[in-house]
N, C-alpha and C. Protein backbone atom coordinates (compact mmCIF):
# COMPACT_ATOMS: atom_id res chain seq x y z
N UNK A 1 0.83 -1.20 0.00
CA UNK A 1 0.00 0.00 0.00
C UNK A 1 0.87 1.26 0.00
N UNK A 2 1.93 1.25 0.81
CA UNK A 2 2.82 2.41 0.87
C UNK A 2 3.51 2.65 -0.46
N UNK A 3 3.87 1.55 -1.13
CA UNK A 3 4.52 1.65 -2.44
C UNK A 3 3.60 2.35 -3.44
N UNK A 4 2.32 2.05 -3.39
CA UNK A 4 1.35 2.68 -4.29
C UNK A 4 1.25 4.18 -3.99
N UNK A 5 1.25 4.53 -2.71
CA UNK A 5 1.21 5.96 -2.35
C UNK A 5 2.44 6.70 -2.85
N UNK A 6 3.60 6.06 -2.75
CA UNK A 6 4.82 6.67 -3.28
C UNK A 6 4.72 6.86 -4.79
N UNK A 7 4.18 5.87 -5.48
CA UNK A 7 4.04 5.96 -6.94
C UNK A 7 3.07 7.08 -7.33
N UNK A 8 1.95 7.16 -6.64
CA UNK A 8 0.97 8.21 -6.93
C UNK A 8 1.58 9.58 -6.63
N UNK A 9 2.24 9.70 -5.49
CA UNK A 9 2.88 10.97 -5.14
C UNK A 9 3.95 11.36 -6.14
N UNK A 10 4.73 10.39 -6.60
CA UNK A 10 5.76 10.66 -7.61
C UNK A 10 5.15 11.12 -8.92
N UNK A 11 4.06 10.47 -9.31
CA UNK A 11 3.39 10.85 -10.56
C UNK A 11 2.80 12.26 -10.47
N UNK A 12 2.18 12.57 -9.34
CA UNK A 12 1.64 13.92 -9.15
C UNK A 12 2.77 14.94 -9.16
N UNK A 13 3.87 14.63 -8.51
CA UNK A 13 5.02 15.55 -8.48
C UNK A 13 5.57 15.80 -9.88
N UNK A 14 5.66 14.75 -10.69
CA UNK A 14 6.14 14.92 -12.07
C UNK A 14 5.16 15.79 -12.86
N UNK A 15 3.87 15.57 -12.66
CA UNK A 15 2.86 16.40 -13.33
C UNK A 15 3.01 17.86 -12.96
N UNK A 16 3.21 18.13 -11.68
CA UNK A 16 3.40 19.52 -11.23
C UNK A 16 4.70 20.10 -11.76
N UNK A 17 5.75 19.28 -11.81
CA UNK A 17 7.03 19.75 -12.35
C UNK A 17 6.89 20.11 -13.82
N UNK A 18 6.19 19.28 -14.59
CA UNK A 18 5.99 19.56 -16.01
C UNK A 18 5.16 20.84 -16.19
N UNK A 19 4.16 21.03 -15.33
CA UNK A 19 3.37 22.25 -15.38
C UNK A 19 4.24 23.45 -15.06
N UNK A 20 5.16 23.28 -14.12
CA UNK A 20 6.07 24.35 -13.74
C UNK A 20 7.00 24.79 -14.86
N UNK A 21 7.20 23.93 -15.85
CA UNK A 21 8.02 24.32 -17.00
C UNK A 21 7.34 25.44 -17.80
N UNK A 22 6.01 25.49 -17.73
CA UNK A 22 5.25 26.45 -18.52
C UNK A 22 4.66 27.59 -17.70
N UNK A 23 4.52 27.39 -16.40
CA UNK A 23 3.97 28.43 -15.52
C UNK A 23 5.08 28.97 -14.63
N UNK A 24 5.45 30.23 -14.79
CA UNK A 24 6.58 30.76 -14.02
C UNK A 24 6.36 30.83 -12.51
N UNK A 25 5.11 30.79 -12.05
CA UNK A 25 4.87 30.87 -10.60
C UNK A 25 4.92 29.50 -9.92
N UNK A 26 5.05 28.44 -10.70
CA UNK A 26 5.11 27.09 -10.14
C UNK A 26 6.53 26.57 -10.29
N UNK A 27 7.23 26.34 -9.18
CA UNK A 27 8.62 25.91 -9.29
C UNK A 27 8.73 24.47 -9.80
N UNK A 28 9.75 24.21 -10.58
CA UNK A 28 9.94 22.89 -11.17
C UNK A 28 10.85 22.01 -10.31
N UNK A 29 11.98 22.55 -9.90
CA UNK A 29 13.01 21.76 -9.21
C UNK A 29 12.50 21.04 -7.96
N UNK A 30 11.78 21.70 -7.05
CA UNK A 30 11.33 20.97 -5.85
C UNK A 30 10.44 19.77 -6.18
N UNK A 31 9.59 19.92 -7.19
CA UNK A 31 8.71 18.81 -7.55
C UNK A 31 9.49 17.67 -8.21
N UNK A 32 10.51 18.00 -9.00
CA UNK A 32 11.35 16.96 -9.60
C UNK A 32 12.10 16.21 -8.50
N UNK A 33 12.66 16.95 -7.54
CA UNK A 33 13.40 16.31 -6.45
C UNK A 33 12.47 15.44 -5.59
N UNK A 34 11.26 15.93 -5.34
CA UNK A 34 10.29 15.14 -4.59
C UNK A 34 9.93 13.86 -5.35
N UNK A 35 9.74 13.98 -6.66
CA UNK A 35 9.43 12.80 -7.48
C UNK A 35 10.57 11.79 -7.41
N UNK A 36 11.80 12.26 -7.47
CA UNK A 36 12.95 11.35 -7.39
C UNK A 36 12.95 10.62 -6.05
N UNK A 37 12.68 11.34 -4.98
CA UNK A 37 12.62 10.72 -3.66
C UNK A 37 11.52 9.65 -3.62
N UNK A 38 10.31 10.03 -4.07
CA UNK A 38 9.17 9.11 -4.00
C UNK A 38 9.35 7.90 -4.92
N UNK A 39 9.84 8.14 -6.13
CA UNK A 39 10.08 7.01 -7.04
C UNK A 39 11.26 6.16 -6.56
N UNK A 40 12.20 6.77 -5.86
CA UNK A 40 13.30 6.01 -5.29
C UNK A 40 12.81 4.98 -4.28
N UNK A 41 11.70 5.27 -3.63
CA UNK A 41 11.10 4.34 -2.66
C UNK A 41 10.20 3.30 -3.32
N UNK A 42 9.72 3.59 -4.56
CA UNK A 42 8.73 2.70 -5.16
C UNK A 42 9.14 2.13 -6.52
N UNK A 43 9.76 2.94 -7.36
CA UNK A 43 10.14 2.51 -8.71
C UNK A 43 11.51 3.09 -9.05
N UNK A 44 12.59 2.48 -8.57
CA UNK A 44 13.93 3.04 -8.80
C UNK A 44 14.26 3.27 -10.27
N UNK A 45 13.69 2.48 -11.17
CA UNK A 45 13.97 2.67 -12.59
C UNK A 45 13.45 4.02 -13.10
N UNK A 46 12.42 4.55 -12.47
CA UNK A 46 11.88 5.87 -12.85
C UNK A 46 12.87 6.99 -12.53
N UNK A 47 13.65 6.81 -11.48
CA UNK A 47 14.64 7.83 -11.10
C UNK A 47 15.61 8.06 -12.25
N UNK A 48 16.09 6.98 -12.85
CA UNK A 48 17.01 7.09 -13.97
C UNK A 48 16.35 7.78 -15.16
N UNK A 49 15.07 7.47 -15.40
CA UNK A 49 14.34 8.13 -16.49
C UNK A 49 14.25 9.64 -16.27
N UNK A 50 13.98 10.04 -15.03
CA UNK A 50 13.86 11.47 -14.73
C UNK A 50 15.21 12.16 -14.89
N UNK A 51 16.26 11.55 -14.36
CA UNK A 51 17.59 12.16 -14.44
C UNK A 51 18.03 12.35 -15.89
N UNK A 52 17.62 11.45 -16.78
CA UNK A 52 18.02 11.53 -18.18
C UNK A 52 16.94 12.15 -19.08
N UNK A 53 15.87 12.66 -18.49
CA UNK A 53 14.81 13.30 -19.27
C UNK A 53 15.35 14.61 -19.85
N UNK A 54 15.05 14.91 -21.13
CA UNK A 54 15.62 16.11 -21.75
C UNK A 54 15.18 17.43 -21.10
N UNK A 55 13.99 17.49 -20.54
CA UNK A 55 13.51 18.73 -19.93
C UNK A 55 13.71 18.76 -18.42
N UNK A 56 13.47 17.64 -17.74
CA UNK A 56 13.54 17.60 -16.28
C UNK A 56 14.93 17.25 -15.75
N UNK A 57 15.69 16.50 -16.53
CA UNK A 57 17.02 16.06 -16.10
C UNK A 57 17.96 17.18 -15.70
N UNK A 58 18.03 18.27 -16.48
CA UNK A 58 18.96 19.34 -16.11
C UNK A 58 18.69 19.96 -14.73
N UNK A 59 17.42 19.99 -14.29
CA UNK A 59 17.12 20.53 -12.97
C UNK A 59 17.77 19.68 -11.88
N UNK A 60 17.69 18.36 -12.05
CA UNK A 60 18.28 17.44 -11.07
C UNK A 60 19.80 17.50 -11.15
N UNK A 61 20.33 17.48 -12.37
CA UNK A 61 21.78 17.48 -12.55
C UNK A 61 22.39 18.76 -11.98
N UNK A 62 21.74 19.91 -12.20
CA UNK A 62 22.24 21.16 -11.62
C UNK A 62 22.25 21.10 -10.10
N UNK A 63 21.18 20.53 -9.52
CA UNK A 63 21.08 20.47 -8.07
C UNK A 63 22.13 19.53 -7.48
N UNK A 64 22.36 18.39 -8.15
CA UNK A 64 23.29 17.39 -7.62
C UNK A 64 24.75 17.67 -7.97
N UNK A 65 24.99 18.57 -8.91
CA UNK A 65 26.35 18.89 -9.35
C UNK A 65 27.16 19.47 -8.20
N UNK A 66 28.29 18.85 -7.84
CA UNK A 66 29.09 19.38 -6.73
C UNK A 66 29.68 20.76 -7.02
N UNK A 67 29.75 21.15 -8.30
CA UNK A 67 30.24 22.49 -8.64
C UNK A 67 29.23 23.56 -8.27
N UNK A 68 27.98 23.18 -8.13
CA UNK A 68 26.98 24.13 -7.69
C UNK A 68 25.87 24.37 -8.70
N UNK A 69 25.01 25.30 -8.34
CA UNK A 69 23.86 25.67 -9.15
C UNK A 69 24.24 26.90 -9.97
N UNK A 70 23.90 26.92 -11.27
CA UNK A 70 24.24 28.09 -12.07
C UNK A 70 23.60 29.37 -11.51
N UNK A 71 24.34 30.47 -11.59
CA UNK A 71 23.85 31.75 -11.06
C UNK A 71 22.51 32.12 -11.69
N UNK A 72 22.37 31.87 -12.99
CA UNK A 72 21.12 32.19 -13.69
C UNK A 72 19.94 31.45 -13.05
N UNK A 73 20.15 30.20 -12.68
CA UNK A 73 19.09 29.41 -12.04
C UNK A 73 18.75 29.94 -10.66
N UNK A 74 19.77 30.35 -9.92
CA UNK A 74 19.53 30.92 -8.59
C UNK A 74 18.71 32.20 -8.69
N UNK A 75 19.10 33.07 -9.62
CA UNK A 75 18.39 34.34 -9.78
C UNK A 75 16.94 34.10 -10.18
N UNK A 76 16.73 33.22 -11.13
CA UNK A 76 15.38 32.90 -11.59
C UNK A 76 14.55 32.33 -10.44
N UNK A 77 15.13 31.42 -9.67
CA UNK A 77 14.42 30.81 -8.55
C UNK A 77 14.01 31.85 -7.52
N UNK A 78 14.92 32.76 -7.20
CA UNK A 78 14.62 33.79 -6.20
C UNK A 78 13.57 34.77 -6.70
N UNK A 79 13.64 35.14 -7.97
CA UNK A 79 12.65 36.07 -8.52
C UNK A 79 11.26 35.44 -8.49
N UNK A 80 11.16 34.21 -8.95
CA UNK A 80 9.86 33.52 -8.97
C UNK A 80 9.35 33.31 -7.55
N UNK A 81 10.23 32.90 -6.65
CA UNK A 81 9.85 32.70 -5.25
C UNK A 81 9.25 33.97 -4.67
N UNK A 82 9.98 35.07 -4.77
CA UNK A 82 9.53 36.30 -4.13
C UNK A 82 8.34 36.94 -4.83
N UNK A 83 8.25 36.81 -6.14
CA UNK A 83 7.06 37.33 -6.83
C UNK A 83 5.80 36.60 -6.35
N UNK A 84 5.87 35.28 -6.30
CA UNK A 84 4.69 34.52 -5.88
C UNK A 84 4.37 34.74 -4.40
N UNK A 85 5.39 34.83 -3.57
CA UNK A 85 5.16 35.05 -2.14
C UNK A 85 4.54 36.43 -1.91
N UNK A 86 5.11 37.45 -2.52
CA UNK A 86 4.59 38.81 -2.31
C UNK A 86 3.17 38.96 -2.85
N UNK A 87 2.88 38.40 -3.99
CA UNK A 87 1.51 38.45 -4.52
C UNK A 87 0.56 37.76 -3.55
N UNK A 88 0.95 36.61 -3.05
CA UNK A 88 0.10 35.87 -2.11
C UNK A 88 -0.12 36.66 -0.82
N UNK A 89 0.95 37.19 -0.27
CA UNK A 89 0.87 37.90 1.01
C UNK A 89 0.07 39.20 0.87
N UNK A 90 0.26 39.91 -0.23
CA UNK A 90 -0.41 41.20 -0.40
C UNK A 90 -1.89 41.03 -0.74
N UNK A 91 -2.21 40.09 -1.62
CA UNK A 91 -3.57 40.02 -2.15
C UNK A 91 -4.45 38.90 -1.59
N UNK A 92 -3.86 37.83 -1.07
CA UNK A 92 -4.68 36.66 -0.75
C UNK A 92 -4.66 36.21 0.70
N UNK A 93 -3.72 36.67 1.49
CA UNK A 93 -3.61 36.19 2.87
C UNK A 93 -3.95 37.32 3.83
N UNK A 94 -5.07 37.20 4.53
CA UNK A 94 -5.51 38.29 5.40
C UNK A 94 -4.86 38.30 6.79
N UNK A 95 -4.46 37.16 7.31
CA UNK A 95 -3.96 37.09 8.68
C UNK A 95 -2.48 37.47 8.77
N UNK A 96 -2.18 38.40 9.66
CA UNK A 96 -0.80 38.88 9.84
C UNK A 96 0.13 37.74 10.24
N UNK A 97 -0.32 36.88 11.15
CA UNK A 97 0.53 35.78 11.62
C UNK A 97 0.92 34.86 10.47
N UNK A 98 -0.02 34.58 9.58
CA UNK A 98 0.27 33.72 8.43
C UNK A 98 1.21 34.43 7.46
N UNK A 99 1.01 35.72 7.27
CA UNK A 99 1.92 36.51 6.42
C UNK A 99 3.35 36.43 6.95
N UNK A 100 3.50 36.60 8.25
CA UNK A 100 4.83 36.55 8.86
C UNK A 100 5.44 35.16 8.69
N UNK A 101 4.63 34.12 8.90
CA UNK A 101 5.12 32.75 8.73
C UNK A 101 5.59 32.51 7.30
N UNK A 102 4.79 32.89 6.33
CA UNK A 102 5.14 32.67 4.92
C UNK A 102 6.38 33.46 4.54
N UNK A 103 6.47 34.70 4.97
CA UNK A 103 7.66 35.51 4.67
C UNK A 103 8.90 34.93 5.34
N UNK A 104 8.74 34.38 6.54
CA UNK A 104 9.87 33.75 7.23
C UNK A 104 10.35 32.51 6.48
N UNK A 105 9.41 31.69 6.04
CA UNK A 105 9.77 30.49 5.29
C UNK A 105 10.45 30.87 3.98
N UNK A 106 9.91 31.87 3.28
CA UNK A 106 10.52 32.31 2.02
C UNK A 106 11.93 32.84 2.26
N UNK A 107 12.14 33.51 3.38
CA UNK A 107 13.48 34.00 3.71
C UNK A 107 14.44 32.85 3.93
N UNK A 108 13.98 31.81 4.64
CA UNK A 108 14.84 30.65 4.88
C UNK A 108 15.15 29.91 3.57
N UNK A 109 14.17 29.81 2.69
CA UNK A 109 14.40 29.17 1.39
C UNK A 109 15.42 29.98 0.59
N UNK A 110 15.31 31.30 0.66
CA UNK A 110 16.26 32.17 -0.05
C UNK A 110 17.68 31.98 0.48
N UNK A 111 17.82 31.92 1.79
CA UNK A 111 19.13 31.70 2.39
C UNK A 111 19.69 30.35 1.95
N UNK A 112 18.83 29.33 1.91
CA UNK A 112 19.27 28.00 1.47
C UNK A 112 19.76 28.06 0.03
N UNK A 113 18.99 28.66 -0.85
CA UNK A 113 19.38 28.76 -2.27
C UNK A 113 20.70 29.49 -2.40
N UNK A 114 20.83 30.60 -1.71
CA UNK A 114 22.06 31.40 -1.80
C UNK A 114 23.26 30.70 -1.17
N UNK A 115 23.01 29.80 -0.23
CA UNK A 115 24.12 29.12 0.45
C UNK A 115 24.68 27.94 -0.36
N UNK A 116 23.96 27.50 -1.38
CA UNK A 116 24.46 26.42 -2.23
C UNK A 116 25.61 26.94 -3.08
N UNK A 117 26.58 26.09 -3.40
CA UNK A 117 27.68 26.54 -4.26
C UNK A 117 27.15 27.05 -5.60
N UNK A 118 27.83 28.05 -6.14
CA UNK A 118 27.42 28.64 -7.42
C UNK A 118 28.38 28.21 -8.52
N UNK A 119 27.81 27.66 -9.58
CA UNK A 119 28.60 27.28 -10.75
C UNK A 119 28.71 28.51 -11.65
N UNK A 120 29.95 28.85 -12.00
CA UNK A 120 30.16 30.04 -12.84
C UNK A 120 30.48 29.62 -14.26
């Protein structure tokens, strides 16, 4: 039963990652990494397919590359992150406590992205 849940979660994650290729407010890399984790628990052969996929593979390879993440990718990730967070906080979230929580999480994600090695 758990294996089936991992497979379903992996499939949903891949679907969201593919959607993120076309929608700038939906991040691709986190969903690809989540799919790799979930398929690693249920269908290891799918992990290899994702890593070698022409569109999704580069996201994983950039993340796993010990040289780091390209600066262009970091900048794009931060711009999309903060645009979506600010739009959400300004227009859709009424509670101050939730706004503070979301802004805090976005700040931590930004620090994490910036702390990864940068490939030049």
